[in-house]
């Protein structure tokens, strides 16, 4: 019985001898480019933008920017989304609209 207890103690002590305690703190915020583009392999480009024009809604206030309407990939096809007023997620951010390039569709994203 003592041998089994000693063996269990040695195995337990040996397995945790090099395992140190770990402590992590995470911070969120505009570090680098947190809203980097992601893409999908798409067989065909989006259709040509509609030729109709619509009036921009009233300017909602300071800090908003106009984001032009464009086609968005929805998994099975493209869908049109009209332009809208949006707030940048952090100071100095610029909106880069969605695009199709090299057989891939890239979503729009904010970037410095």
N, C-alpha and C. Protein backbone atom coordinates (compact mmCIF):
# COMPACT_ATOMS: atom_id res chain seq x y z
N UNK A 1 0.82 -1.18 0.00
CA UNK A 1 0.00 0.00 0.00
C UNK A 1 0.87 1.25 0.00
N UNK A 2 1.95 1.24 0.82
CA UNK A 2 2.83 2.40 0.87
C UNK A 2 3.51 2.63 -0.48
N UNK A 3 3.82 1.54 -1.18
CA UNK A 3 4.48 1.67 -2.47
C UNK A 3 3.55 2.33 -3.49
N UNK A 4 2.28 1.95 -3.48
CA UNK A 4 1.31 2.56 -4.40
C UNK A 4 1.13 4.04 -4.09
N UNK A 5 1.07 4.38 -2.82
CA UNK A 5 0.92 5.77 -2.42
C UNK A 5 2.15 6.59 -2.81
N UNK A 6 3.33 6.03 -2.62
CA UNK A 6 4.56 6.70 -3.00
C UNK A 6 4.63 6.88 -4.51
N UNK A 7 4.26 5.87 -5.27
CA UNK A 7 4.26 5.94 -6.74
C UNK A 7 3.27 7.00 -7.22
N UNK A 8 2.09 7.06 -6.63
CA UNK A 8 1.10 8.07 -7.00
C UNK A 8 1.63 9.47 -6.69
N UNK A 9 2.28 9.64 -5.54
CA UNK A 9 2.83 10.94 -5.18
C UNK A 9 3.94 11.37 -6.13
N UNK A 10 4.81 10.45 -6.50
CA UNK A 10 5.92 10.77 -7.42
C UNK A 10 5.38 11.15 -8.79
N UNK A 11 4.41 10.41 -9.27
CA UNK A 11 3.82 10.72 -10.57
C UNK A 11 3.12 12.08 -10.55
N UNK A 12 2.38 12.34 -9.51
CA UNK A 12 1.67 13.61 -9.40
C UNK A 12 2.65 14.77 -9.25
N UNK A 13 3.64 14.64 -8.41
CA UNK A 13 4.63 15.70 -8.20
C UNK A 13 5.46 15.92 -9.46
N UNK A 14 5.84 14.84 -10.11
CA UNK A 14 6.64 14.96 -11.33
C UNK A 14 5.88 15.59 -12.48
N UNK A 15 4.60 15.34 -12.55
CA UNK A 15 3.83 15.89 -13.67
C UNK A 15 3.51 17.36 -13.47
N UNK A 16 3.50 17.83 -12.24
CA UNK A 16 3.18 19.25 -12.01
C UNK A 16 4.40 20.07 -11.66
N UNK A 17 5.57 19.46 -11.63
CA UNK A 17 6.77 20.17 -11.23
C UNK A 17 7.09 21.31 -12.20
N UNK A 18 6.89 21.09 -13.50
CA UNK A 18 7.25 22.09 -14.49
C UNK A 18 6.05 22.90 -14.98
N UNK A 19 4.91 22.61 -14.45
CA UNK A 19 3.72 23.37 -14.85
C UNK A 19 3.60 24.58 -13.93
N UNK A 20 3.80 25.74 -14.48
CA UNK A 20 3.69 26.96 -13.70
C UNK A 20 2.28 27.52 -13.76
N UNK A 21 1.97 28.34 -12.83
CA UNK A 21 0.68 29.00 -12.85
C UNK A 21 0.62 30.01 -13.99
N UNK A 22 -0.53 30.19 -14.56
CA UNK A 22 -0.67 31.11 -15.67
C UNK A 22 -1.76 32.12 -15.35
N UNK A 23 -1.50 33.35 -15.75
CA UNK A 23 -2.45 34.43 -15.51
C UNK A 23 -2.47 35.30 -16.75
N UNK A 24 -3.64 35.47 -17.34
CA UNK A 24 -3.77 36.24 -18.56
C UNK A 24 -4.75 37.38 -18.36
N UNK A 25 -4.44 38.51 -18.99
CA UNK A 25 -5.36 39.63 -19.02
C UNK A 25 -5.53 40.03 -20.48
N UNK A 26 -6.75 40.16 -20.94
CA UNK A 26 -7.01 40.55 -22.32
C UNK A 26 -7.52 41.98 -22.40
N UNK A 27 -7.11 42.67 -23.41
CA UNK A 27 -7.56 44.03 -23.64
C UNK A 27 -8.15 44.12 -25.04
N UNK A 28 -9.27 44.78 -25.18
CA UNK A 28 -9.85 45.02 -26.50
C UNK A 28 -9.61 46.47 -26.89
N UNK A 29 -9.60 46.68 -28.17
CA UNK A 29 -9.41 48.05 -28.62
C UNK A 29 -8.82 48.08 -30.01
N UNK A 30 -8.66 49.28 -30.52
CA UNK A 30 -8.16 49.43 -31.88
C UNK A 30 -6.66 49.27 -31.97
N UNK A 31 -6.17 48.06 -31.85
CA UNK A 31 -4.75 47.78 -31.97
C UNK A 31 -4.55 47.12 -33.33
N UNK A 32 -3.67 47.67 -34.15
CA UNK A 32 -3.47 47.12 -35.48
C UNK A 32 -4.69 47.35 -36.34
N UNK A 33 -5.15 46.32 -37.00
CA UNK A 33 -6.32 46.40 -37.86
C UNK A 33 -7.33 45.34 -37.42
N UNK A 34 -8.10 45.62 -36.38
CA UNK A 34 -8.98 44.60 -35.84
C UNK A 34 -10.11 44.22 -36.78
N UNK A 35 -10.40 45.03 -37.77
CA UNK A 35 -11.49 44.72 -38.68
C UNK A 35 -10.94 44.40 -40.06
N UNK A 36 -9.94 43.53 -40.10
CA UNK A 36 -9.32 43.15 -41.37
C UNK A 36 -10.33 42.44 -42.26
N UNK A 37 -10.15 42.53 -43.56
CA UNK A 37 -11.11 41.91 -44.47
C UNK A 37 -11.04 40.39 -44.43
N UNK A 38 -12.16 39.77 -44.61
CA UNK A 38 -12.17 38.33 -44.81
C UNK A 38 -12.83 38.09 -46.14
N UNK A 39 -12.55 36.95 -46.74
CA UNK A 39 -12.99 36.74 -48.11
C UNK A 39 -13.60 35.37 -48.30
N UNK A 40 -14.31 35.24 -49.42
CA UNK A 40 -14.90 33.98 -49.83
C UNK A 40 -14.50 33.72 -51.27
N UNK A 41 -14.26 32.47 -51.60
CA UNK A 41 -14.04 32.11 -53.00
C UNK A 41 -15.41 32.12 -53.66
N UNK A 42 -15.57 32.95 -54.67
CA UNK A 42 -16.85 33.11 -55.35
C UNK A 42 -16.61 32.93 -56.84
N UNK A 43 -17.46 32.16 -57.48
CA UNK A 43 -17.27 31.83 -58.89
C UNK A 43 -17.53 32.99 -59.83
N UNK A 44 -18.33 33.95 -59.43
CA UNK A 44 -18.68 35.04 -60.34
C UNK A 44 -18.72 36.37 -59.60
N UNK A 45 -18.40 37.47 -60.29
CA UNK A 45 -18.41 38.78 -59.65
C UNK A 45 -19.83 39.27 -59.41
N UNK A 46 -19.99 40.31 -58.58
CA UNK A 46 -21.33 40.85 -58.34
C UNK A 46 -21.87 41.53 -59.60
N UNK A 47 -23.19 41.64 -59.69
CA UNK A 47 -23.77 42.34 -60.83
C UNK A 47 -23.41 43.82 -60.81
N UNK A 48 -23.69 44.47 -61.91
CA UNK A 48 -23.45 45.91 -61.99
C UNK A 48 -24.41 46.61 -61.02
N UNK A 49 -23.91 47.65 -60.36
CA UNK A 49 -24.75 48.39 -59.40
C UNK A 49 -25.99 48.94 -60.09
N UNK A 50 -27.12 48.98 -59.40
CA UNK A 50 -28.35 49.49 -60.01
C UNK A 50 -28.18 50.94 -60.48
N UNK A 51 -28.90 51.28 -61.52
CA UNK A 51 -28.78 52.61 -62.12
C UNK A 51 -29.68 53.63 -61.44
N UNK A 52 -30.55 53.21 -60.53
CA UNK A 52 -31.44 54.18 -59.90
C UNK A 52 -30.68 54.96 -58.82
N UNK A 53 -31.15 56.13 -58.55
CA UNK A 53 -30.55 56.98 -57.53
C UNK A 53 -31.56 57.20 -56.41
N UNK A 54 -31.07 57.32 -55.23
CA UNK A 54 -31.95 57.60 -54.10
C UNK A 54 -31.32 58.71 -53.27
N UNK A 55 -32.13 59.44 -52.59
CA UNK A 55 -31.64 60.55 -51.78
C UNK A 55 -31.03 60.01 -50.49
N UNK A 56 -29.93 60.57 -50.12
CA UNK A 56 -29.33 60.20 -48.84
C UNK A 56 -30.25 60.63 -47.72
N UNK A 57 -30.37 59.81 -46.70
CA UNK A 57 -31.13 60.25 -45.52
C UNK A 57 -30.43 61.45 -44.87
N UNK A 58 -31.12 62.14 -44.02
CA UNK A 58 -30.55 63.31 -43.35
C UNK A 58 -29.31 62.91 -42.54
N UNK A 59 -28.37 63.81 -42.49
CA UNK A 59 -27.15 63.58 -41.72
C UNK A 59 -27.50 63.42 -40.25
N UNK A 60 -27.17 62.27 -39.62
CA UNK A 60 -27.60 62.03 -38.24
C UNK A 60 -26.84 62.83 -37.19
N UNK A 61 -25.65 63.29 -37.50
CA UNK A 61 -24.91 64.08 -36.51
C UNK A 61 -23.42 63.88 -36.63
N UNK A 62 -22.70 64.55 -35.79
CA UNK A 62 -21.24 64.50 -35.81
C UNK A 62 -20.74 63.08 -35.58
N UNK A 63 -19.69 62.74 -36.30
CA UNK A 63 -19.07 61.43 -36.12
C UNK A 63 -19.55 60.36 -37.08
N UNK A 64 -20.53 60.64 -37.94
CA UNK A 64 -21.03 59.66 -38.88
C UNK A 64 -20.40 59.87 -40.26
N UNK A 65 -20.22 58.79 -41.00
CA UNK A 65 -19.73 58.86 -42.37
C UNK A 65 -20.69 58.10 -43.28
N UNK A 66 -20.74 58.50 -44.53
CA UNK A 66 -21.61 57.84 -45.50
C UNK A 66 -20.90 56.63 -46.08
N UNK A 67 -21.59 55.49 -46.07
CA UNK A 67 -21.08 54.25 -46.65
C UNK A 67 -21.93 53.94 -47.87
N UNK A 68 -21.29 53.94 -49.04
CA UNK A 68 -22.02 53.74 -50.29
C UNK A 68 -22.68 52.37 -50.36
N UNK A 69 -23.77 52.30 -51.09
CA UNK A 69 -24.44 51.03 -51.30
C UNK A 69 -23.61 50.10 -52.17
N UNK A 70 -23.75 48.81 -51.97
CA UNK A 70 -23.01 47.84 -52.76
C UNK A 70 -23.63 46.46 -52.60
N UNK A 71 -23.16 45.52 -53.42
CA UNK A 71 -23.61 44.14 -53.31
C UNK A 71 -22.78 43.42 -52.25
N UNK A 72 -23.47 42.60 -51.47
CA UNK A 72 -22.81 41.78 -50.44
C UNK A 72 -23.06 40.32 -50.76
N UNK A 73 -22.03 39.51 -50.52
CA UNK A 73 -22.16 38.07 -50.74
C UNK A 73 -22.91 37.46 -49.57
N UNK A 74 -23.93 36.68 -49.86
CA UNK A 74 -24.74 36.08 -48.81
C UNK A 74 -24.65 34.58 -48.72
N UNK A 75 -23.66 33.96 -49.35
CA UNK A 75 -23.51 32.51 -49.26
C UNK A 75 -24.06 31.80 -50.48
N UNK A 76 -25.22 32.23 -50.95
CA UNK A 76 -25.82 31.61 -52.14
C UNK A 76 -25.94 32.59 -53.30
N UNK A 77 -25.67 33.84 -53.04
CA UNK A 77 -25.78 34.85 -54.08
C UNK A 77 -25.55 36.23 -53.50
N UNK A 78 -25.61 37.22 -54.37
CA UNK A 78 -25.40 38.60 -53.96
C UNK A 78 -26.72 39.26 -53.61
N UNK A 79 -26.66 40.18 -52.67
CA UNK A 79 -27.83 40.97 -52.29
C UNK A 79 -27.40 42.43 -52.22
N UNK A 80 -28.24 43.32 -52.71
CA UNK A 80 -27.93 44.74 -52.70
C UNK A 80 -28.26 45.35 -51.35
N UNK A 81 -27.39 46.19 -50.86
CA UNK A 81 -27.65 46.94 -49.63
C UNK A 81 -27.46 48.41 -49.96
N UNK A 82 -28.49 49.19 -49.72
CA UNK A 82 -28.41 50.63 -49.96
C UNK A 82 -27.37 51.26 -49.05
N UNK A 83 -26.92 52.45 -49.43
CA UNK A 83 -25.97 53.18 -48.61
C UNK A 83 -26.58 53.58 -47.27
N UNK A 84 -25.76 53.85 -46.31
CA UNK A 84 -26.25 54.20 -44.98
C UNK A 84 -25.20 55.03 -44.26
N UNK A 85 -25.62 55.70 -43.20
CA UNK A 85 -24.72 56.43 -42.34
C UNK A 85 -24.19 55.48 -41.29
N UNK A 86 -22.89 55.45 -41.09
CA UNK A 86 -22.29 54.56 -40.10
C UNK A 86 -21.28 55.31 -39.25
N UNK A 87 -21.07 54.81 -38.07
CA UNK A 87 -20.08 55.40 -37.15
C UNK A 87 -18.81 54.59 -37.19
N UNK A 88 -17.68 55.22 -37.41
CA UNK A 88 -16.41 54.48 -37.34
C UNK A 88 -16.21 53.88 -35.96
N UNK A 89 -15.64 52.68 -35.88
CA UNK A 89 -15.47 52.02 -34.58
C UNK A 89 -14.39 52.65 -33.71
N UNK A 90 -13.49 53.44 -34.30
CA UNK A 90 -12.44 54.11 -33.55
C UNK A 90 -11.98 55.33 -34.33
N UNK A 91 -11.32 56.23 -33.67
CA UNK A 91 -10.88 57.48 -34.30
C UNK A 91 -9.92 57.24 -35.44
N UNK A 92 -10.10 57.97 -36.53
CA UNK A 92 -9.21 57.86 -37.68
C UNK A 92 -9.51 56.69 -38.60
N UNK A 93 -10.58 55.96 -38.35
CA UNK A 93 -10.91 54.80 -39.19
C UNK A 93 -11.50 55.25 -40.52
N UNK A 94 -11.18 54.52 -41.58
CA UNK A 94 -11.74 54.76 -42.91
C UNK A 94 -12.45 53.50 -43.36
N UNK A 95 -13.53 53.66 -44.10
CA UNK A 95 -14.30 52.53 -44.62
C UNK A 95 -13.75 52.14 -45.98
N UNK A 96 -13.43 50.86 -46.14
CA UNK A 96 -13.02 50.30 -47.42
C UNK A 96 -14.14 49.37 -47.87
N UNK A 97 -14.78 49.73 -48.95
CA UNK A 97 -15.96 49.00 -49.41
C UNK A 97 -15.65 47.60 -49.90
N UNK A 98 -16.69 46.77 -50.01
CA UNK A 98 -16.49 45.41 -50.49
C UNK A 98 -16.02 45.40 -51.94
N UNK A 99 -15.32 44.34 -52.31
CA UNK A 99 -14.82 44.24 -53.69
C UNK A 99 -14.66 42.79 -54.09
N UNK A 100 -14.58 42.59 -55.38
CA UNK A 100 -14.34 41.27 -55.96
C UNK A 100 -13.02 41.34 -56.70
N UNK A 101 -12.09 40.45 -56.37
CA UNK A 101 -10.78 40.49 -57.01
C UNK A 101 -10.20 39.08 -57.04
N UNK A 102 -9.75 38.66 -58.19
CA UNK A 102 -9.06 37.37 -58.32
C UNK A 102 -9.91 36.17 -57.92
N UNK A 103 -11.20 36.21 -58.21
CA UNK A 103 -12.06 35.07 -57.87
C UNK A 103 -12.49 35.02 -56.41
N UNK A 104 -12.20 36.07 -55.67
CA UNK A 104 -12.59 36.12 -54.26
C UNK A 104 -13.38 37.39 -54.00
N UNK A 105 -14.34 37.29 -53.10
CA UNK A 105 -15.15 38.43 -52.69
C UNK A 105 -14.66 38.86 -51.31
N UNK A 106 -14.29 40.13 -51.15
CA UNK A 106 -13.81 40.68 -49.89
C UNK A 106 -14.87 41.60 -49.30
N UNK A 107 -15.25 41.35 -48.07
CA UNK A 107 -16.22 42.20 -47.38
C UNK A 107 -15.62 43.57 -47.13
N UNK A 108 -16.49 44.56 -46.93
CA UNK A 108 -16.01 45.88 -46.54
C UNK A 108 -15.51 45.84 -45.11
N UNK A 109 -14.61 46.78 -44.78
CA UNK A 109 -14.04 46.78 -43.44
C UNK A 109 -13.53 48.17 -43.10
N UNK A 110 -13.36 48.41 -41.82
CA UNK A 110 -12.80 49.66 -41.31
C UNK A 110 -11.30 49.47 -41.11
N UNK A 111 -10.55 50.55 -41.40
CA UNK A 111 -9.09 50.47 -41.23
C UNK A 111 -8.54 51.88 -41.01
N UNK A 112 -7.40 51.97 -40.37
CA UNK A 112 -6.76 53.28 -40.15
C UNK A 112 -6.16 53.79 -41.43
